[in-house]
PDB file of N, CA and C in Angstrom:
ATOM      1  N   MET A   1      -1.114 -18.179   2.415  1.00  0.00           N
ATOM      2  CA  MET A   1      -1.994 -19.345   2.479  1.00  0.00           C
ATOM      3  C   MET A   1      -2.226 -19.858   1.066  1.00  0.00           C
ATOM      4  N   VAL A   2      -1.965 -21.119   0.838  1.00  0.00           N
ATOM      5  CA  VAL A   2      -2.136 -21.730  -0.469  1.00  0.00           C
ATOM      6  C   VAL A   2      -3.351 -22.643  -0.407  1.00  0.00           C
ATOM      7  N   SER A   3      -4.297 -22.389  -1.306  1.00  0.00           N
ATOM      8  CA  SER A   3      -5.492 -23.219  -1.388  1.00  0.00           C
ATOM      9  C   SER A   3      -5.382 -24.095  -2.613  1.00  0.00           C
ATOM     10  N   ILE A   4      -5.672 -25.359  -2.456  1.00  0.00           N
ATOM     11  CA  ILE A   4      -5.624 -26.278  -3.590  1.00  0.00           C
ATOM     12  C   ILE A   4      -6.971 -26.956  -3.694  1.00  0.00           C
ATOM     13  N   ILE A   5      -7.578 -26.858  -4.877  1.00  0.00           N
ATOM     14  CA  ILE A   5      -8.836 -27.515  -5.161  1.00  0.00           C
ATOM     15  C   ILE A   5      -8.493 -28.657  -6.120  1.00  0.00           C
ATOM     16  N   GLY A   6      -8.532 -29.874  -5.622  1.00  0.00           N
ATOM     17  CA  GLY A   6      -8.104 -30.998  -6.428  1.00  0.00           C
ATOM     18  C   GLY A   6      -6.621 -30.805  -6.762  1.00  0.00           C
ATOM     19  N   ARG A   7      -6.290 -30.697  -8.052  1.00  0.00           N
ATOM     20  CA  ARG A   7      -4.919 -30.446  -8.474  1.00  0.00           C
ATOM     21  C   ARG A   7      -4.723 -29.016  -8.951  1.00  0.00           C
ATOM     22  N   LEU A   8      -5.770 -28.158  -8.798  1.00  0.00           N
ATOM     23  CA  LEU A   8      -5.707 -26.784  -9.251  1.00  0.00           C
ATOM     24  C   LEU A   8      -5.162 -25.891  -8.140  1.00  0.00           C
ATOM     25  N   ASP A   9      -4.037 -25.225  -8.407  1.00  0.00           N
ATOM     26  CA  ASP A   9      -3.425 -24.318  -7.447  1.00  0.00           C
ATOM     27  C   ASP A   9      -3.958 -22.907  -7.697  1.00  0.00           C
ATOM     28  N   ILE A  10      -4.679 -22.349  -6.731  1.00  0.00           N
ATOM     29  CA  ILE A  10      -5.227 -21.006  -6.878  1.00  0.00           C
ATOM     30  C   ILE A  10      -4.473 -20.005  -6.022  1.00  0.00           C
ATOM     31  N   SER A  11      -3.223 -20.301  -5.716  1.00  0.00           N
ATOM     32  CA  SER A  11      -2.439 -19.386  -4.877  1.00  0.00           C
ATOM     33  C   SER A  11      -2.167 -18.050  -5.590  1.00  0.00           C
ATOM     34  N   PHE A  12      -2.247 -18.045  -6.923  1.00  0.00           N
ATOM     35  CA  PHE A  12      -1.988 -16.808  -7.652  1.00  0.00           C
ATOM     36  C   PHE A  12      -3.025 -15.736  -7.339  1.00  0.00           C
ATOM     37  N   ILE A  13      -4.188 -16.121  -6.836  1.00  0.00           N
ATOM     38  CA  ILE A  13      -5.219 -15.145  -6.496  1.00  0.00           C
ATOM     39  C   ILE A  13      -4.751 -14.228  -5.373  1.00  0.00           C
ATOM     40  N   LYS A  14      -3.917 -14.710  -4.482  1.00  0.00           N
ATOM     41  CA  LYS A  14      -3.430 -13.936  -3.362  1.00  0.00           C
ATOM     42  C   LYS A  14      -2.214 -13.053  -3.725  1.00  0.00           C
ATOM     43  N   ILE A  15      -1.711 -13.158  -4.949  1.00  0.00           N
ATOM     44  CA  ILE A  15      -0.543 -12.375  -5.360  1.00  0.00           C
ATOM     45  C   ILE A  15      -0.955 -10.923  -5.545  1.00  0.00           C
ATOM     46  N   LYS A  16      -0.161 -10.015  -5.007  1.00  0.00           N
ATOM     47  CA  LYS A  16      -0.440  -8.601  -5.156  1.00  0.00           C
ATOM     48  C   LYS A  16      -0.086  -8.152  -6.579  1.00  0.00           C
ATOM     49  N   LYS A  17      -0.610  -7.001  -6.977  1.00  0.00           N
ATOM     50  CA  LYS A  17      -0.481  -6.530  -8.347  1.00  0.00           C
ATOM     51  C   LYS A  17       0.976  -6.439  -8.836  1.00  0.00           C
ATOM     52  N   PRO A  18       1.917  -5.800  -8.085  1.00  0.00           N
ATOM     53  CA  PRO A  18       3.294  -5.721  -8.594  1.00  0.00           C
ATOM     54  C   PRO A  18       3.920  -7.114  -8.805  1.00  0.00           C
ATOM     55  N   GLN A  19       3.584  -8.069  -7.934  1.00  0.00           N
ATOM     56  CA  GLN A  19       4.109  -9.413  -8.098  1.00  0.00           C
ATOM     57  C   GLN A  19       3.517 -10.082  -9.337  1.00  0.00           C
ATOM     58  N   ALA A  20       2.235  -9.846  -9.586  1.00  0.00           N
ATOM     59  CA  ALA A  20       1.582 -10.436 -10.758  1.00  0.00           C
ATOM     60  C   ALA A  20       2.204  -9.870 -12.044  1.00  0.00           C
ATOM     61  N   LEU A  21       2.497  -8.595 -12.047  1.00  0.00           N
ATOM     62  CA  LEU A  21       3.114  -7.988 -13.221  1.00  0.00           C
ATOM     63  C   LEU A  21       4.503  -8.572 -13.465  1.00  0.00           C
ATOM     64  N   GLN A  22       5.194  -8.889 -12.389  1.00  0.00           N
ATOM     65  CA  GLN A  22       6.531  -9.463 -12.507  1.00  0.00           C
ATOM     66  C   GLN A  22       6.476 -10.789 -13.299  1.00  0.00           C
ATOM     67  N   TYR A  23       5.404 -11.531 -13.124  1.00  0.00           N
ATOM     68  CA  TYR A  23       5.279 -12.804 -13.824  1.00  0.00           C
ATOM     69  C   TYR A  23       4.679 -12.661 -15.210  1.00  0.00           C
ATOM     70  N   THR A  24       3.750 -11.722 -15.397  1.00  0.00           N
ATOM     71  CA  THR A  24       3.039 -11.643 -16.659  1.00  0.00           C
ATOM     72  C   THR A  24       3.712 -10.779 -17.708  1.00  0.00           C
ATOM     73  N   LEU A  25       4.432  -9.734 -17.314  1.00  0.00           N
ATOM     74  CA  LEU A  25       5.036  -8.847 -18.313  1.00  0.00           C
ATOM     75  C   LEU A  25       6.042  -9.548 -19.218  1.00  0.00           C
ATOM     76  N   PRO A  26       6.947 -10.369 -18.705  1.00  0.00           N
ATOM     77  CA  PRO A  26       7.856 -11.056 -19.626  1.00  0.00           C
ATOM     78  C   PRO A  26       7.125 -11.946 -20.641  1.00  0.00           C
ATOM     79  N   LYS A  27       6.077 -12.644 -20.170  1.00  0.00           N
ATOM     80  CA  LYS A  27       5.314 -13.496 -21.081  1.00  0.00           C
ATOM     81  C   LYS A  27       4.594 -12.657 -22.129  1.00  0.00           C
ATOM     82  N   LEU A  28       4.008 -11.561 -21.699  1.00  0.00           N
ATOM     83  CA  LEU A  28       3.313 -10.677 -22.620  1.00  0.00           C
ATOM     84  C   LEU A  28       4.263 -10.093 -23.649  1.00  0.00           C
ATOM     85  N   LYS A  29       5.436  -9.661 -23.208  1.00  0.00           N
ATOM     86  CA  LYS A  29       6.433  -9.118 -24.129  1.00  0.00           C
ATOM     87  C   LYS A  29       6.844 -10.165 -25.156  1.00  0.00           C
ATOM     88  N   GLN A  30       7.007 -11.395 -24.715  1.00  0.00           N
ATOM     89  CA  GLN A  30       7.387 -12.477 -25.612  1.00  0.00           C
ATOM     90  C   GLN A  30       6.290 -12.714 -26.668  1.00  0.00           C
ATOM     91  N   LYS A  31       5.035 -12.691 -26.266  1.00  0.00           N
ATOM     92  CA  LYS A  31       3.916 -12.905 -27.205  1.00  0.00           C
ATOM     93  C   LYS A  31       3.820 -11.744 -28.193  1.00  0.00           C
ATOM     94  N   VAL A  32       3.975 -10.522 -27.695  1.00  0.00           N
ATOM     95  CA  VAL A  32       3.896  -9.350 -28.574  1.00  0.00           C
ATOM     96  C   VAL A  32       5.037  -9.381 -29.590  1.00  0.00           C
ATOM     97  N   ASP A  33       6.240  -9.713 -29.130  1.00  0.00           N
ATOM     98  CA  ASP A  33       7.390  -9.807 -30.031  1.00  0.00           C
ATOM     99  C   ASP A  33       7.125 -10.848 -31.126  1.00  0.00           C
ATOM    100  N   TYR A  34       6.543 -11.968 -30.749  1.00  0.00           N
ATOM    101  CA  TYR A  34       6.239 -13.025 -31.714  1.00  0.00           C
ATOM    102  C   TYR A  34       5.245 -12.524 -32.770  1.00  0.00           C
ATOM    103  N   VAL A  35       4.202 -11.853 -32.298  1.00  0.00           N
ATOM    104  CA  VAL A  35       3.170 -11.352 -33.240  1.00  0.00           C
ATOM    105  C   VAL A  35       3.776 -10.321 -34.184  1.00  0.00           C
ATOM    106  N   ILE A  36       4.567  -9.402 -33.644  1.00  0.00           N
ATOM    107  CA  ILE A  36       5.173  -8.363 -34.485  1.00  0.00           C
ATOM    108  C   ILE A  36       6.134  -8.966 -35.504  1.00  0.00           C
ATOM    109  N   ASP A  37       6.921  -9.953 -35.075  1.00  0.00           N
ATOM    110  CA  ASP A  37       7.880 -10.592 -35.993  1.00  0.00           C
ATOM    111  C   ASP A  37       7.168 -11.329 -37.116  1.00  0.00           C
ATOM    112  N   ASN A  38       5.937 -11.796 -36.893  1.00  0.00           N
ATOM    113  CA  ASN A  38       5.231 -12.584 -37.892  1.00  0.00           C
ATOM    114  C   ASN A  38       4.219 -11.797 -38.709  1.00  0.00           C
ATOM    115  N   ILE A  39       4.191 -10.467 -38.566  1.00  0.00           N
ATOM    116  CA  ILE A  39       3.283  -9.662 -39.391  1.00  0.00           C
ATOM    117  C   ILE A  39       3.911  -9.540 -40.785  1.00  0.00           C
ATOM    118  N   ASP A  40       3.127  -9.926 -41.796  1.00  0.00           N
ATOM    119  CA  ASP A  40       3.583  -9.807 -43.177  1.00  0.00           C
ATOM    120  C   ASP A  40       3.043  -8.466 -43.711  1.00  0.00           C
ATOM    121  N   ILE A  41       3.897  -7.456 -43.730  1.00  0.00           N
ATOM    122  CA  ILE A  41       3.477  -6.110 -44.097  1.00  0.00           C
ATOM    123  C   ILE A  41       3.000  -6.046 -45.542  1.00  0.00           C
ATOM    124  N   SER A  42       3.523  -6.908 -46.393  1.00  0.00           N
ATOM    125  CA  SER A  42       3.109  -6.882 -47.808  1.00  0.00           C
ATOM    126  C   SER A  42       1.641  -7.280 -47.977  1.00  0.00           C
ATOM    127  N   GLU A  43       1.064  -7.966 -47.017  1.00  0.00           N
ATOM    128  CA  GLU A  43      -0.326  -8.375 -47.102  1.00  0.00           C
ATOM    129  C   GLU A  43      -1.303  -7.347 -46.474  1.00  0.00           C
ATOM    130  N   LEU A  44      -0.764  -6.314 -45.840  1.00  0.00           N
ATOM    131  CA  LEU A  44      -1.613  -5.314 -45.213  1.00  0.00           C
ATOM    132  C   LEU A  44      -2.053  -4.279 -46.245  1.00  0.00           C
ATOM    133  N   ASP A  45      -3.306  -3.790 -46.101  1.00  0.00           N
ATOM    134  CA  ASP A  45      -3.727  -2.679 -46.977  1.00  0.00           C
ATOM    135  C   ASP A  45      -3.224  -1.366 -46.361  1.00  0.00           C
ATOM    136  N   ASP A  46      -3.457  -0.269 -47.070  1.00  0.00           N
ATOM    137  CA  ASP A  46      -2.926   1.018 -46.637  1.00  0.00           C
ATOM    138  C   ASP A  46      -3.460   1.439 -45.265  1.00  0.00           C
ATOM    139  N   ASN A  47      -4.747   1.216 -45.013  1.00  0.00           N
ATOM    140  CA  ASN A  47      -5.325   1.601 -43.713  1.00  0.00           C
ATOM    141  C   ASN A  47      -4.695   0.813 -42.567  1.00  0.00           C
ATOM    142  N   GLN A  48      -4.445  -0.455 -42.797  1.00  0.00           N
ATOM    143  CA  GLN A  48      -3.815  -1.277 -41.756  1.00  0.00           C
ATOM    144  C   GLN A  48      -2.374  -0.851 -41.504  1.00  0.00           C
ATOM    145  N   LYS A  49      -1.667  -0.472 -42.555  1.00  0.00           N
ATOM    146  CA  LYS A  49      -0.290   0.007 -42.397  1.00  0.00           C
ATOM    147  C   LYS A  49      -0.268   1.301 -41.595  1.00  0.00           C
ATOM    148  N   ILE A  50      -1.207   2.209 -41.903  1.00  0.00           N
ATOM    149  CA  ILE A  50      -1.273   3.488 -41.175  1.00  0.00           C
ATOM    150  C   ILE A  50      -1.583   3.232 -39.701  1.00  0.00           C
ATOM    151  N   LYS A  51      -2.519   2.340 -39.418  1.00  0.00           N
ATOM    152  CA  LYS A  51      -2.880   2.036 -38.038  1.00  0.00           C
ATOM    153  C   LYS A  51      -1.698   1.418 -37.296  1.00  0.00           C
ATOM    154  N   LEU A  52      -0.945   0.542 -37.960  1.00  0.00           N
ATOM    155  CA  LEU A  52       0.245  -0.064 -37.353  1.00  0.00           C
ATOM    156  C   LEU A  52       1.264   1.009 -37.021  1.00  0.00           C
ATOM    157  N   LEU A  53       1.447   1.967 -37.933  1.00  0.00           N
ATOM    158  CA  LEU A  53       2.376   3.074 -37.665  1.00  0.00           C
ATOM    159  C   LEU A  53       1.910   3.925 -36.483  1.00  0.00           C
ATOM    160  N   GLN A  54       0.612   4.241 -36.438  1.00  0.00           N
ATOM    161  CA  GLN A  54       0.074   5.058 -35.349  1.00  0.00           C
ATOM    162  C   GLN A  54       0.322   4.397 -34.000  1.00  0.00           C
ATOM    163  N   ILE A  55       0.079   3.128 -33.917  1.00  0.00           N
ATOM    164  CA  ILE A  55       0.258   2.416 -32.643  1.00  0.00           C
ATOM    165  C   ILE A  55       1.743   2.291 -32.298  1.00  0.00           C
ATOM    166  N   GLY A  56       2.562   1.942 -33.282  1.00  0.00           N
ATOM    167  CA  GLY A  56       3.983   1.745 -33.033  1.00  0.00           C
ATOM    168  C   GLY A  56       4.711   3.025 -32.642  1.00  0.00           C
ATOM    169  N   ILE A  57       4.356   4.124 -33.299  1.00  0.00           N
ATOM    170  CA  ILE A  57       5.031   5.395 -33.022  1.00  0.00           C
ATOM    171  C   ILE A  57       4.823   5.861 -31.582  1.00  0.00           C
ATOM    172  N   GLN A  58       3.669   5.539 -31.001  1.00  0.00           N
ATOM    173  CA  GLN A  58       3.404   5.908 -29.617  1.00  0.00           C
ATOM    174  C   GLN A  58       4.460   5.351 -28.658  1.00  0.00           C
ATOM    175  N   TYR A  59       5.009   4.205 -28.980  1.00  0.00           N
ATOM    176  CA  TYR A  59       5.951   3.558 -28.081  1.00  0.00           C
ATOM    177  C   TYR A  59       7.407   3.813 -28.479  1.00  0.00           C
ATOM    178  N   ILE A  60       7.634   4.333 -29.673  1.00  0.00           N
ATOM    179  CA  ILE A  60       8.995   4.536 -30.157  1.00  0.00           C
ATOM    180  C   ILE A  60       9.445   5.983 -30.004  1.00  0.00           C
ATOM    181  N   VAL A  61       8.609   6.934 -30.434  1.00  0.00           N
ATOM    182  CA  VAL A  61       8.976   8.349 -30.410  1.00  0.00           C
ATOM    183  C   VAL A  61       8.737   8.905 -28.992  1.00  0.00           C
ATOM    184  N   PRO A  62       9.736   9.594 -28.441  1.00  0.00           N
ATOM    185  CA  PRO A  62       9.541  10.164 -27.087  1.00  0.00           C
ATOM    186  C   PRO A  62       8.480  11.284 -27.143  1.00  0.00           C
ATOM    187  N   ARG A  63       7.810  11.477 -26.039  1.00  0.00           N
ATOM    188  CA  ARG A  63       6.786  12.499 -25.953  1.00  0.00           C
ATOM    189  C   ARG A  63       7.434  13.881 -25.926  1.00  0.00           C
ATOM    190  N   LEU A  64       6.720  14.838 -26.505  1.00  0.00           N
ATOM    191  CA  LEU A  64       7.213  16.213 -26.510  1.00  0.00           C
ATOM    192  C   LEU A  64       7.044  16.827 -25.133  1.00  0.00           C
ATOM    193  N   LYS A  65       8.036  17.577 -24.720  1.00  0.00           N
ATOM    194  CA  LYS A  65       7.943  18.322 -23.461  1.00  0.00           C
ATOM    195  C   LYS A  65       7.981  19.794 -23.790  1.00  0.00           C
ATOM    196  N   HIS A  66       7.207  20.566 -23.072  1.00  0.00           N
ATOM    197  CA  HIS A  66       7.159  21.998 -23.323  1.00  0.00           C
ATOM    198  C   HIS A  66       8.429  22.653 -22.815  1.00  0.00           C
ATOM    199  N   THR A  67       9.100  23.352 -23.700  1.00  0.00           N
ATOM    200  CA  THR A  67      10.281  24.132 -23.314  1.00  0.00           C
ATOM    201  C   THR A  67      10.129  25.499 -23.920  1.00  0.00           C
ATOM    202  N   SER A  68      10.703  26.494 -23.275  1.00  0.00           N
ATOM    203  CA  SER A  68      10.632  27.849 -23.766  1.00  0.00           C
ATOM    204  C   SER A  68      12.044  28.426 -23.832  1.00  0.00           C
ATOM    205  N   ASN A  69      12.407  28.957 -24.981  1.00  0.00           N
ATOM    206  CA  ASN A  69      13.673  29.624 -25.150  1.00  0.00           C
ATOM    207  C   ASN A  69      13.525  31.131 -25.127  1.00  0.00           C
ATOM    208  N   ASP A  70      12.363  31.602 -24.744  1.00  0.00           N
ATOM    209  CA  ASP A  70      12.095  33.031 -24.744  1.00  0.00           C
ATOM    210  C   ASP A  70      12.603  33.631 -23.434  1.00  0.00           C
ATOM    211  N   ASP A  71      13.711  34.383 -23.517  1.00  0.00           N
ATOM    212  CA  ASP A  71      14.278  35.020 -22.328  1.00  0.00           C
ATOM    213  C   ASP A  71      13.538  36.300 -21.972  1.00  0.00           C
ATOM    214  N   ASN A  72      12.721  36.819 -22.877  1.00  0.00           N
ATOM    215  CA  ASN A  72      12.007  38.068 -22.627  1.00  0.00           C
ATOM    216  C   ASN A  72      10.654  37.844 -21.948  1.00  0.00           C
ATOM    217  N   TRP A  73      10.376  36.625 -21.627  1.00  0.00           N
ATOM    218  CA  TRP A  73       9.098  36.283 -21.020  1.00  0.00           C
ATOM    219  C   TRP A  73       9.029  36.824 -19.612  1.00  0.00           C
ATOM    220  N   ILE A  74       7.952  37.500 -19.285  1.00  0.00           N
ATOM    221  CA  ILE A  74       7.750  38.081 -17.960  1.00  0.00           C
ATOM    222  C   ILE A  74       6.505  37.461 -17.359  1.00  0.00           C
ATOM    223  N   GLU A  75       6.621  37.029 -16.144  1.00  0.00           N
ATOM    224  CA  GLU A  75       5.473  36.433 -15.478  1.00  0.00           C
ATOM    225  C   GLU A  75       4.438  37.493 -15.194  1.00  0.00           C
ATOM    226  N   GLN A  76       3.202  37.222 -15.552  1.00  0.00           N
ATOM    227  CA  GLN A  76       2.124  38.173 -15.365  1.00  0.00           C
ATOM    228  C   GLN A  76       1.300  37.779 -14.131  1.00  0.00           C
ATOM    229  N   PRO A  77       0.750  38.766 -13.438  1.00  0.00           N
ATOM    230  CA  PRO A  77      -0.096  38.439 -12.288  1.00  0.00           C
ATOM    231  C   PRO A  77      -1.393  37.760 -12.721  1.00  0.00           C
ATOM    232  N   ILE A  78      -1.916  36.960 -11.862  1.00  0.00           N
ATOM    233  CA  ILE A  78      -3.159  36.241 -12.176  1.00  0.00           C
ATOM    234  C   ILE A  78      -4.327  37.231 -12.262  1.00  0.00           C
ATOM    235  N   PHE A  79      -4.346  38.181 -11.327  1.00  0.00           N
ATOM    236  CA  PHE A  79      -5.419  39.149 -11.291  1.00  0.00           C
ATOM    237  C   PHE A  79      -4.860  40.491 -11.775  1.00  0.00           C
ATOM    238  N   PRO A  80      -5.348  40.986 -12.913  1.00  0.00           N
ATOM    239  CA  PRO A  80      -4.811  42.235 -13.457  1.00  0.00           C
ATOM    240  C   PRO A  80      -5.114  43.434 -12.552  1.00  0.00           C
ATOM    241  N   THR A  81      -4.208  44.383 -12.573  1.00  0.00           N
ATOM    242  CA  THR A  81      -4.406  45.610 -11.776  1.00  0.00           C
ATOM    243  C   THR A  81      -4.751  46.792 -12.668  1.00  0.00           C
ATOM    244  N   HIS A  82      -4.472  46.650 -13.969  1.00  0.00           N
ATOM    245  CA  HIS A  82      -4.782  47.712 -14.931  1.00  0.00           C
ATOM    246  C   HIS A  82      -5.478  47.114 -16.133  1.00  0.00           C
ATOM    247  N   VAL A  83      -6.206  47.979 -16.845  1.00  0.00           N
ATOM    248  CA  VAL A  83      -6.892  47.542 -18.061  1.00  0.00           C
ATOM    249  C   VAL A  83      -6.444  48.465 -19.202  1.00  0.00           C
ATOM    250  N   ASP A  84      -6.233  47.867 -20.383  1.00  0.00           N
ATOM    251  CA  ASP A  84      -5.818  48.621 -21.557  1.00  0.00           C
ATOM    252  C   ASP A  84      -7.044  48.774 -22.466  1.00  0.00           C
ATOM    253  N   ILE A  85      -7.518  50.002 -22.636  1.00  0.00           N
ATOM    254  CA  ILE A  85      -8.700  50.271 -23.448  1.00  0.00           C
ATOM    255  C   ILE A  85      -8.230  50.755 -24.819  1.00  0.00           C
ATOM    256  N   ILE A  86      -8.618  50.020 -25.862  1.00  0.00           N
ATOM    257  CA  ILE A  86      -8.220  50.350 -27.222  1.00  0.00           C
ATOM    258  C   ILE A  86      -9.443  50.849 -27.976  1.00  0.00           C
ATOM    259  N   THR A  87      -9.314  52.011 -28.594  1.00  0.00           N
ATOM    260  CA  THR A  87     -10.412  52.619 -29.339  1.00  0.00           C
ATOM    261  C   THR A  87      -9.882  53.208 -30.640  1.00  0.00           C
ATOM    262  N   ARG A  88     -10.823  53.647 -31.489  1.00  0.00           N
ATOM    263  CA  ARG A  88     -10.462  54.392 -32.700  1.00  0.00           C
ATOM    264  C   ARG A  88     -10.888  55.834 -32.505  1.00  0.00           C
ATOM    265  N   ASP A  89     -10.025  56.727 -32.904  1.00  0.00           N
ATOM    266  CA  ASP A  89     -10.378  58.139 -32.786  1.00  0.00           C
ATOM    267  C   ASP A  89     -11.110  58.601 -34.052  1.00  0.00           C
ATOM    268  N   ASP A  90     -11.362  59.894 -34.152  1.00  0.00           N
ATOM    269  CA  ASP A  90     -12.136  60.438 -35.286  1.00  0.00           C
ATOM    270  C   ASP A  90     -11.405  60.275 -36.612  1.00  0.00           C
ATOM    271  N   ASN A  91     -10.073  60.172 -36.613  1.00  0.00           N
ATOM    272  CA  ASN A  91      -9.290  60.047 -37.835  1.00  0.00           C
ATOM    273  C   ASN A  91      -9.023  58.585 -38.198  1.00  0.00           C
ATOM    274  N   ASP A  92      -9.764  57.667 -37.638  1.00  0.00           N
ATOM    275  CA  ASP A  92      -9.596  56.221 -37.874  1.00  0.00           C
ATOM    276  C   ASP A  92      -8.224  55.698 -37.414  1.00  0.00           C
ATOM    277  N   GLU A  93      -7.653  56.353 -36.440  1.00  0.00           N
ATOM    278  CA  GLU A  93      -6.385  55.922 -35.858  1.00  0.00           C
ATOM    279  C   GLU A  93      -6.669  55.183 -34.554  1.00  0.00           C
ATOM    280  N   TRP A  94      -5.828  54.207 -34.246  1.00  0.00           N
ATOM    281  CA  TRP A  94      -5.989  53.453 -33.014  1.00  0.00           C
ATOM    282  C   TRP A  94      -5.420  54.259 -31.847  1.00  0.00           C
ATOM    283  N   ALA A  95      -6.129  54.259 -30.772  1.00  0.00           N
ATOM    284  CA  ALA A  95      -5.682  54.926 -29.540  1.00  0.00           C
ATOM    285  C   ALA A  95      -5.917  53.970 -28.372  1.00  0.00           C
ATOM    286  N   HIS A  96      -5.021  54.038 -27.402  1.00  0.00           N
ATOM    287  CA  HIS A  96      -5.243  53.185 -26.229  1.00  0.00           C
ATOM    288  C   HIS A  96      -4.953  53.974 -24.968  1.00  0.00           C
ATOM    289  N   ASP A  97      -5.631  53.553 -23.928  1.00  0.00           N
ATOM    290  CA  ASP A  97      -5.518  54.218 -22.638  1.00  0.00           C
ATOM    291  C   ASP A  97      -5.411  53.124 -21.567  1.00  0.00           C
ATOM    292  N   VAL A  98      -4.441  53.259 -20.691  1.00  0.00           N
ATOM    293  CA  VAL A  98      -4.265  52.285 -19.600  1.00  0.00           C
ATOM    294  C   VAL A  98      -4.823  52.902 -18.329  1.00  0.00           C
ATOM    295  N   ARG A  99      -5.767  52.198 -17.717  1.00  0.00           N
ATOM    296  CA  ARG A  99      -6.398  52.703 -16.490  1.00  0.00           C
ATOM    297  C   ARG A  99      -6.344  51.646 -15.409  1.00  0.00           C
ATOM    298  N   PRO A 100      -6.177  52.083 -14.157  1.00  0.00           N
ATOM    299  CA  PRO A 100      -6.181  51.103 -13.067  1.00  0.00           C
ATOM    300  C   PRO A 100      -7.605  50.615 -12.825  1.00  0.00           C
ATOM    301  N   LEU A 101      -7.697  49.363 -12.415  1.00  0.00           N
ATOM    302  CA  LEU A 101      -8.991  48.803 -12.058  1.00  0.00           C
ATOM    303  C   LEU A 101      -9.397  49.303 -10.680  1.00  0.00           C
ATOM    304  N   LYS A 102     -10.697  49.444 -10.517  1.00  0.00           N
ATOM    305  CA  LYS A 102     -11.212  49.860  -9.208  1.00  0.00           C
ATOM    306  C   LYS A 102     -11.087  48.679  -8.247  1.00  0.00           C
ATOM    307  N   GLN A 103     -10.626  48.962  -7.077  1.00  0.00           N
ATOM    308  CA  GLN A 103     -10.487  47.889  -6.081  1.00  0.00           C
ATOM    309  C   GLN A 103     -11.788  47.756  -5.299  1.00  0.00           C
ATOM    310  N   VAL A 104     -12.248  46.528  -5.145  1.00  0.00           N
ATOM    311  CA  VAL A 104     -13.460  46.251  -4.405  1.00  0.00           C
ATOM    312  C   VAL A 104     -13.047  45.791  -3.008  1.00  0.00           C
ATOM    313  N   ASN A 105     -13.536  46.489  -2.013  1.00  0.00           N
ATOM    314  CA  ASN A 105     -13.215  46.100  -0.620  1.00  0.00           C
ATOM    315  C   ASN A 105     -14.309  45.307   0.006  1.00  0.00           C
TER     316      ASN A 105
END
């Protein structure tokens, strides 16, 4: 349904979000490209240059993804079944004892 008030077309109000993005993103990209092309870096102070780098790098550098090359990694249970008690003996040496946890029924 297209509503017209005088010569003003308000049909864009009924456009769903993905359709609206289809029309606005190219225009926005064009405006951003124009602004970036016309920035005179020689007139920026150091703080402005750093801020420009911070913003630009977010869109240029890919995000880091967690990867592990450790083949010795062993999956541990969420709920431990044993506890490792570490103490010092009379000779100032470290000693440890592994004991099972008591099960609560």
